[in-house]
């Protein structure tokens, strides 16, 4: 148990998210569970938008890499 707590403390120090009891925490105080489906959908949409943006940036970087390696 002590080792797990140490690993969690290290991740929190680095700002990495940790999973405790099946829930993700980012070194912040626990939040209340959201019970409104509309709010959950909104959060999912925001996350999906961020993912799409990152995928687009990744594509640009991969193209640049291929051009440099060619």
PDB file of N, CA and C in Angstrom:
ATOM      1  N   UNK A   1       0.824  -1.194   0.000  1.00  0.00           N
ATOM      2  CA  UNK A   1       0.000   0.000   0.000  1.00  0.00           C
ATOM      3  C   UNK A   1       0.869   1.260   0.000  1.00  0.00           C
ATOM      4  N   UNK A   2       1.949   1.227   0.796  1.00  0.00           N
ATOM      5  CA  UNK A   2       2.847   2.378   0.892  1.00  0.00           C
ATOM      6  C   UNK A   2       3.465   2.702  -0.467  1.00  0.00           C
ATOM      7  N   UNK A   3       3.832   1.673  -1.193  1.00  0.00           N
ATOM      8  CA  UNK A   3       4.454   1.884  -2.504  1.00  0.00           C
ATOM      9  C   UNK A   3       3.476   2.547  -3.467  1.00  0.00           C
ATOM     10  N   UNK A   4       2.217   2.140  -3.443  1.00  0.00           N
ATOM     11  CA  UNK A   4       1.198   2.712  -4.318  1.00  0.00           C
ATOM     12  C   UNK A   4       0.985   4.192  -3.997  1.00  0.00           C
ATOM     13  N   UNK A   5       0.958   4.521  -2.732  1.00  0.00           N
ATOM     14  CA  UNK A   5       0.787   5.914  -2.322  1.00  0.00           C
ATOM     15  C   UNK A   5       1.970   6.740  -2.812  1.00  0.00           C
ATOM     16  N   UNK A   6       3.170   6.190  -2.742  1.00  0.00           N
ATOM     17  CA  UNK A   6       4.354   6.898  -3.211  1.00  0.00           C
ATOM     18  C   UNK A   6       4.265   7.144  -4.709  1.00  0.00           C
ATOM     19  N   UNK A   7       3.844   6.146  -5.479  1.00  0.00           N
ATOM     20  CA  UNK A   7       3.699   6.305  -6.925  1.00  0.00           C
ATOM     21  C   UNK A   7       2.672   7.390  -7.240  1.00  0.00           C
ATOM     22  N   UNK A   8       1.551   7.386  -6.522  1.00  0.00           N
ATOM     23  CA  UNK A   8       0.512   8.400  -6.737  1.00  0.00           C
ATOM     24  C   UNK A   8       1.069   9.782  -6.428  1.00  0.00           C
ATOM     25  N   UNK A   9       1.820   9.910  -5.342  1.00  0.00           N
ATOM     26  CA  UNK A   9       2.397  11.200  -4.972  1.00  0.00           C
ATOM     27  C   UNK A   9       3.375  11.674  -6.045  1.00  0.00           C
ATOM     28  N   UNK A  10       4.148  10.760  -6.616  1.00  0.00           N
ATOM     29  CA  UNK A  10       5.086  11.130  -7.672  1.00  0.00           C
ATOM     30  C   UNK A  10       4.334  11.629  -8.903  1.00  0.00           C
ATOM     31  N   UNK A  11       3.281  10.947  -9.287  1.00  0.00           N
ATOM     32  CA  UNK A  11       2.510  11.362 -10.454  1.00  0.00           C
ATOM     33  C   UNK A  11       1.853  12.714 -10.219  1.00  0.00           C
ATOM     34  N   UNK A  12       1.331  12.932  -9.030  1.00  0.00           N
ATOM     35  CA  UNK A  12       0.696  14.212  -8.724  1.00  0.00           C
ATOM     36  C   UNK A  12       1.720  15.335  -8.772  1.00  0.00           C
ATOM     37  N   UNK A  13       2.941  15.058  -8.325  1.00  0.00           N
ATOM     38  CA  UNK A  13       3.999  16.061  -8.359  1.00  0.00           C
ATOM     39  C   UNK A  13       4.300  16.452  -9.799  1.00  0.00           C
ATOM     40  N   UNK A  14       4.210  15.479 -10.724  1.00  0.00           N
ATOM     41  CA  UNK A  14       4.464  15.740 -12.133  1.00  0.00           C
ATOM     42  C   UNK A  14       3.238  16.292 -12.846  1.00  0.00           C
ATOM     43  N   UNK A  15       2.105  16.319 -12.162  1.00  0.00           N
ATOM     44  CA  UNK A  15       0.884  16.827 -12.767  1.00  0.00           C
ATOM     45  C   UNK A  15       0.179  15.796 -13.636  1.00  0.00           C
ATOM     46  N   UNK A  16       0.597  14.533 -13.541  1.00  0.00           N
ATOM     47  CA  UNK A  16      -0.027  13.490 -14.333  1.00  0.00           C
ATOM     48  C   UNK A  16      -1.307  13.031 -13.653  1.00  0.00           C
ATOM     49  N   UNK A  17      -2.306  12.667 -14.447  1.00  0.00           N
ATOM     50  CA  UNK A  17      -3.522  12.142 -13.836  1.00  0.00           C
ATOM     51  C   UNK A  17      -3.263  10.760 -13.244  1.00  0.00           C
ATOM     52  N   UNK A  18      -3.945  10.459 -12.170  1.00  0.00           N
ATOM     53  CA  UNK A  18      -3.837   9.145 -11.547  1.00  0.00           C
ATOM     54  C   UNK A  18      -5.225   8.548 -11.463  1.00  0.00           C
ATOM     55  N   UNK A  19      -5.270   7.231 -11.398  1.00  0.00           N
ATOM     56  CA  UNK A  19      -6.559   6.555 -11.277  1.00  0.00           C
ATOM     57  C   UNK A  19      -6.596   5.901  -9.913  1.00  0.00           C
ATOM     58  N   UNK A  20      -7.555   6.289  -9.110  1.00  0.00           N
ATOM     59  CA  UNK A  20      -7.721   5.755  -7.774  1.00  0.00           C
ATOM     60  C   UNK A  20      -9.155   5.264  -7.657  1.00  0.00           C
ATOM     61  N   UNK A  21      -9.311   4.020  -7.278  1.00  0.00           N
ATOM     62  CA  UNK A  21     -10.636   3.406  -7.139  1.00  0.00           C
ATOM     63  C   UNK A  21     -11.462   3.560  -8.408  1.00  0.00           C
ATOM     64  N   UNK A  22     -10.813   3.427  -9.560  1.00  0.00           N
ATOM     65  CA  UNK A  22     -11.526   3.475 -10.827  1.00  0.00           C
ATOM     66  C   UNK A  22     -11.894   4.857 -11.314  1.00  0.00           C
ATOM     67  N   UNK A  23     -11.473   5.913 -10.615  1.00  0.00           N
ATOM     68  CA  UNK A  23     -11.788   7.273 -11.028  1.00  0.00           C
ATOM     69  C   UNK A  23     -10.500   8.059 -11.231  1.00  0.00           C
ATOM     70  N   UNK A  24     -10.482   8.886 -12.272  1.00  0.00           N
ATOM     71  CA  UNK A  24      -9.290   9.661 -12.582  1.00  0.00           C
ATOM     72  C   UNK A  24      -9.237  10.905 -11.705  1.00  0.00           C
ATOM     73  N   UNK A  25      -8.060  11.146 -11.180  1.00  0.00           N
ATOM     74  CA  UNK A  25      -7.821  12.349 -10.392  1.00  0.00           C
ATOM     75  C   UNK A  25      -6.581  13.027 -10.943  1.00  0.00           C
ATOM     76  N   UNK A  26      -6.535  14.315 -10.904  1.00  0.00           N
ATOM     77  CA  UNK A  26      -5.373  15.046 -11.397  1.00  0.00           C
ATOM     78  C   UNK A  26      -4.710  15.815 -10.267  1.00  0.00           C
ATOM     79  N   UNK A  27      -4.657  15.232  -9.104  1.00  0.00           N
ATOM     80  CA  UNK A  27      -4.034  15.894  -7.979  1.00  0.00           C
ATOM     81  C   UNK A  27      -4.894  17.001  -7.415  1.00  0.00           C
ATOM     82  N   UNK A  28      -6.175  16.962  -7.706  1.00  0.00           N
ATOM     83  CA  UNK A  28      -7.090  17.988  -7.239  1.00  0.00           C
ATOM     84  C   UNK A  28      -8.042  17.382  -6.207  1.00  0.00           C
ATOM     85  N   UNK A  29      -8.757  18.244  -5.547  1.00  0.00           N
ATOM     86  CA  UNK A  29      -9.757  17.770  -4.594  1.00  0.00           C
ATOM     87  C   UNK A  29     -10.841  17.018  -5.345  1.00  0.00           C
ATOM     88  N   UNK A  30     -11.371  15.969  -4.766  1.00  0.00           N
ATOM     89  CA  UNK A  30     -12.417  15.199  -5.451  1.00  0.00           C
ATOM     90  C   UNK A  30     -13.631  16.066  -5.759  1.00  0.00           C
ATOM     91  N   UNK A  31     -14.167  15.884  -6.948  1.00  0.00           N
ATOM     92  CA  UNK A  31     -15.351  16.636  -7.352  1.00  0.00           C
ATOM     93  C   UNK A  31     -16.579  15.763  -7.186  1.00  0.00           C
ATOM     94  N   UNK A  32     -17.715  16.413  -7.105  1.00  0.00           N
ATOM     95  CA  UNK A  32     -18.955  15.657  -7.047  1.00  0.00           C
ATOM     96  C   UNK A  32     -19.212  15.041  -8.404  1.00  0.00           C
ATOM     97  N   UNK A  33     -19.875  13.897  -8.414  1.00  0.00           N
ATOM     98  CA  UNK A  33     -20.215  13.260  -9.673  1.00  0.00           C
ATOM     99  C   UNK A  33     -21.282  14.083 -10.374  1.00  0.00           C
ATOM    100  N   UNK A  34     -21.129  14.202 -11.683  1.00  0.00           N
ATOM    101  CA  UNK A  34     -22.117  14.927 -12.487  1.00  0.00           C
ATOM    102  C   UNK A  34     -23.245  13.958 -12.803  1.00  0.00           C
ATOM    103  N   UNK A  35     -24.451  14.368 -12.499  1.00  0.00           N
ATOM    104  CA  UNK A  35     -25.597  13.500 -12.741  1.00  0.00           C
ATOM    105  C   UNK A  35     -26.464  13.988 -13.888  1.00  0.00           C
ATOM    106  N   UNK A  36     -26.137  15.145 -14.453  1.00  0.00           N
ATOM    107  CA  UNK A  36     -26.918  15.698 -15.561  1.00  0.00           C
ATOM    108  C   UNK A  36     -26.342  15.178 -16.884  1.00  0.00           C
ATOM    109  N   UNK A  37     -27.108  14.401 -17.639  1.00  0.00           N
ATOM    110  CA  UNK A  37     -26.610  13.847 -18.902  1.00  0.00           C
ATOM    111  C   UNK A  37     -26.187  14.918 -19.905  1.00  0.00           C
ATOM    112  N   UNK A  38     -26.852  16.049 -19.918  1.00  0.00           N
ATOM    113  CA  UNK A  38     -26.500  17.126 -20.846  1.00  0.00           C
ATOM    114  C   UNK A  38     -25.102  17.669 -20.543  1.00  0.00           C
ATOM    115  N   UNK A  39     -24.795  17.828 -19.266  1.00  0.00           N
ATOM    116  CA  UNK A  39     -23.478  18.320 -18.880  1.00  0.00           C
ATOM    117  C   UNK A  39     -22.392  17.301 -19.239  1.00  0.00           C
ATOM    118  N   UNK A  40     -22.697  16.020 -19.046  1.00  0.00           N
ATOM    119  CA  UNK A  40     -21.737  14.984 -19.400  1.00  0.00           C
ATOM    120  C   UNK A  40     -21.491  14.969 -20.905  1.00  0.00           C
ATOM    121  N   UNK A  41     -22.541  15.105 -21.687  1.00  0.00           N
ATOM    122  CA  UNK A  41     -22.384  15.142 -23.150  1.00  0.00           C
ATOM    123  C   UNK A  41     -21.543  16.351 -23.569  1.00  0.00           C
ATOM    124  N   UNK A  42     -21.784  17.481 -22.907  1.00  0.00           N
ATOM    125  CA  UNK A  42     -21.015  18.691 -23.201  1.00  0.00           C
ATOM    126  C   UNK A  42     -19.529  18.472 -22.920  1.00  0.00           C
ATOM    127  N   UNK A  43     -19.217  17.834 -21.797  1.00  0.00           N
ATOM    128  CA  UNK A  43     -17.828  17.554 -21.454  1.00  0.00           C
ATOM    129  C   UNK A  43     -17.204  16.617 -22.480  1.00  0.00           C
ATOM    130  N   UNK A  44     -17.957  15.614 -22.898  1.00  0.00           N
ATOM    131  CA  UNK A  44     -17.458  14.669 -23.896  1.00  0.00           C
ATOM    132  C   UNK A  44     -17.189  15.387 -25.207  1.00  0.00           C
ATOM    133  N   UNK A  45     -18.075  16.282 -25.606  1.00  0.00           N
ATOM    134  CA  UNK A  45     -17.882  17.038 -26.842  1.00  0.00           C
ATOM    135  C   UNK A  45     -16.623  17.902 -26.767  1.00  0.00           C
ATOM    136  N   UNK A  46     -16.375  18.519 -25.618  1.00  0.00           N
ATOM    137  CA  UNK A  46     -15.172  19.335 -25.454  1.00  0.00           C
ATOM    138  C   UNK A  46     -13.917  18.471 -25.571  1.00  0.00           C
ATOM    139  N   UNK A  47     -13.959  17.306 -24.957  1.00  0.00           N
ATOM    140  CA  UNK A  47     -12.815  16.393 -25.021  1.00  0.00           C
ATOM    141  C   UNK A  47     -12.599  15.937 -26.461  1.00  0.00           C
ATOM    142  N   UNK A  48     -13.694  15.591 -27.156  1.00  0.00           N
ATOM    143  CA  UNK A  48     -13.583  15.169 -28.553  1.00  0.00           C
ATOM    144  C   UNK A  48     -13.007  16.271 -29.430  1.00  0.00           C
ATOM    145  N   UNK A  49     -13.388  17.517 -29.168  1.00  0.00           N
ATOM    146  CA  UNK A  49     -12.852  18.643 -29.937  1.00  0.00           C
ATOM    147  C   UNK A  49     -11.351  18.781 -29.706  1.00  0.00           C
ATOM    148  N   UNK A  50     -10.925  18.613 -28.467  1.00  0.00           N
ATOM    149  CA  UNK A  50      -9.500  18.688 -28.162  1.00  0.00           C
ATOM    150  C   UNK A  50      -8.745  17.552 -28.854  1.00  0.00           C
ATOM    151  N   UNK A  51      -9.326  16.370 -28.838  1.00  0.00           N
ATOM    152  CA  UNK A  51      -8.693  15.220 -29.489  1.00  0.00           C
ATOM    153  C   UNK A  51      -8.568  15.479 -30.986  1.00  0.00           C
ATOM    154  N   UNK A  52      -9.626  15.978 -31.623  1.00  0.00           N
ATOM    155  CA  UNK A  52      -9.589  16.273 -33.054  1.00  0.00           C
ATOM    156  C   UNK A  52      -8.507  17.296 -33.381  1.00  0.00           C
ATOM    157  N   UNK A  53      -8.395  18.308 -32.539  1.00  0.00           N
ATOM    158  CA  UNK A  53      -7.377  19.333 -32.742  1.00  0.00           C
ATOM    159  C   UNK A  53      -5.982  18.729 -32.651  1.00  0.00           C
ATOM    160  N   UNK A  54      -5.765  17.889 -31.664  1.00  0.00           N
ATOM    161  CA  UNK A  54      -4.461  17.256 -31.499  1.00  0.00           C
ATOM    162  C   UNK A  54      -4.150  16.310 -32.653  1.00  0.00           C
ATOM    163  N   UNK A  55      -5.166  15.607 -33.154  1.00  0.00           N
ATOM    164  CA  UNK A  55      -4.950  14.718 -34.298  1.00  0.00           C
ATOM    165  C   UNK A  55      -4.540  15.518 -35.535  1.00  0.00           C
ATOM    166  N   UNK A  56      -5.159  16.665 -35.732  1.00  0.00           N
ATOM    167  CA  UNK A  56      -4.810  17.511 -36.875  1.00  0.00           C
ATOM    168  C   UNK A  56      -3.369  18.002 -36.755  1.00  0.00           C
ATOM    169  N   UNK A  57      -2.979  18.420 -35.551  1.00  0.00           N
ATOM    170  CA  UNK A  57      -1.600  18.866 -35.329  1.00  0.00           C
ATOM    171  C   UNK A  57      -0.628  17.723 -35.576  1.00  0.00           C
ATOM    172  N   UNK A  58      -1.013  16.526 -35.140  1.00  0.00           N
ATOM    173  CA  UNK A  58      -0.165  15.349 -35.338  1.00  0.00           C
ATOM    174  C   UNK A  58       0.027  15.074 -36.822  1.00  0.00           C
ATOM    175  N   UNK A  59      -1.041  15.162 -37.602  1.00  0.00           N
ATOM    176  CA  UNK A  59      -0.949  14.927 -39.037  1.00  0.00           C
ATOM    177  C   UNK A  59       0.032  15.897 -39.689  1.00  0.00           C
ATOM    178  N   UNK A  60      -0.034  17.153 -39.307  1.00  0.00           N
ATOM    179  CA  UNK A  60       0.874  18.159 -39.865  1.00  0.00           C
ATOM    180  C   UNK A  60       2.321  17.809 -39.527  1.00  0.00           C
ATOM    181  N   UNK A  61       2.555  17.420 -38.278  1.00  0.00           N
ATOM    182  CA  UNK A  61       3.912  17.086 -37.855  1.00  0.00           C
ATOM    183  C   UNK A  61       4.429  15.832 -38.559  1.00  0.00           C
ATOM    184  N   UNK A  62       3.561  14.850 -38.748  1.00  0.00           N
ATOM    185  CA  UNK A  62       3.962  13.626 -39.439  1.00  0.00           C
ATOM    186  C   UNK A  62       4.320  13.950 -40.891  1.00  0.00           C
ATOM    187  N   UNK A  63       3.536  14.805 -41.541  1.00  0.00           N
ATOM    188  CA  UNK A  63       3.848  15.208 -42.916  1.00  0.00           C
ATOM    189  C   UNK A  63       5.197  15.921 -42.974  1.00  0.00           C
ATOM    190  N   UNK A  64       5.442  16.813 -42.032  1.00  0.00           N
ATOM    191  CA  UNK A  64       6.718  17.516 -41.985  1.00  0.00           C
ATOM    192  C   UNK A  64       7.868  16.530 -41.791  1.00  0.00           C
ATOM    193  N   UNK A  65       7.670  15.558 -40.945  1.00  0.00           N
ATOM    194  CA  UNK A  65       8.699  14.548 -40.680  1.00  0.00           C
ATOM    195  C   UNK A  65       9.012  13.760 -41.941  1.00  0.00           C
ATOM    196  N   UNK A  66       7.965  13.322 -42.650  1.00  0.00           N
ATOM    197  CA  UNK A  66       8.187  12.571 -43.897  1.00  0.00           C
ATOM    198  C   UNK A  66       8.910  13.412 -44.928  1.00  0.00           C
ATOM    199  N   UNK A  67       8.565  14.701 -45.005  1.00  0.00           N
ATOM    200  CA  UNK A  67       9.238  15.577 -45.960  1.00  0.00           C
ATOM    201  C   UNK A  67      10.716  15.739 -45.621  1.00  0.00           C
ATOM    202  N   UNK A  68      11.024  15.851 -44.339  1.00  0.00           N
ATOM    203  CA  UNK A  68      12.413  16.013 -43.916  1.00  0.00           C
ATOM    204  C   UNK A  68      13.215  14.734 -44.123  1.00  0.00           C
ATOM    205  N   UNK A  69      12.580  13.586 -43.949  1.00  0.00           N
ATOM    206  CA  UNK A  69      13.271  12.315 -44.083  1.00  0.00           C
ATOM    207  C   UNK A  69      13.422  11.899 -45.550  1.00  0.00           C
ATOM    208  N   UNK A  70      12.611  12.460 -46.445  1.00  0.00           N
ATOM    209  CA  UNK A  70      12.654  12.063 -47.866  1.00  0.00           C
ATOM    210  C   UNK A  70      13.825  12.651 -48.594  1.00  0.00           C
TER     211      UNK A  70
END
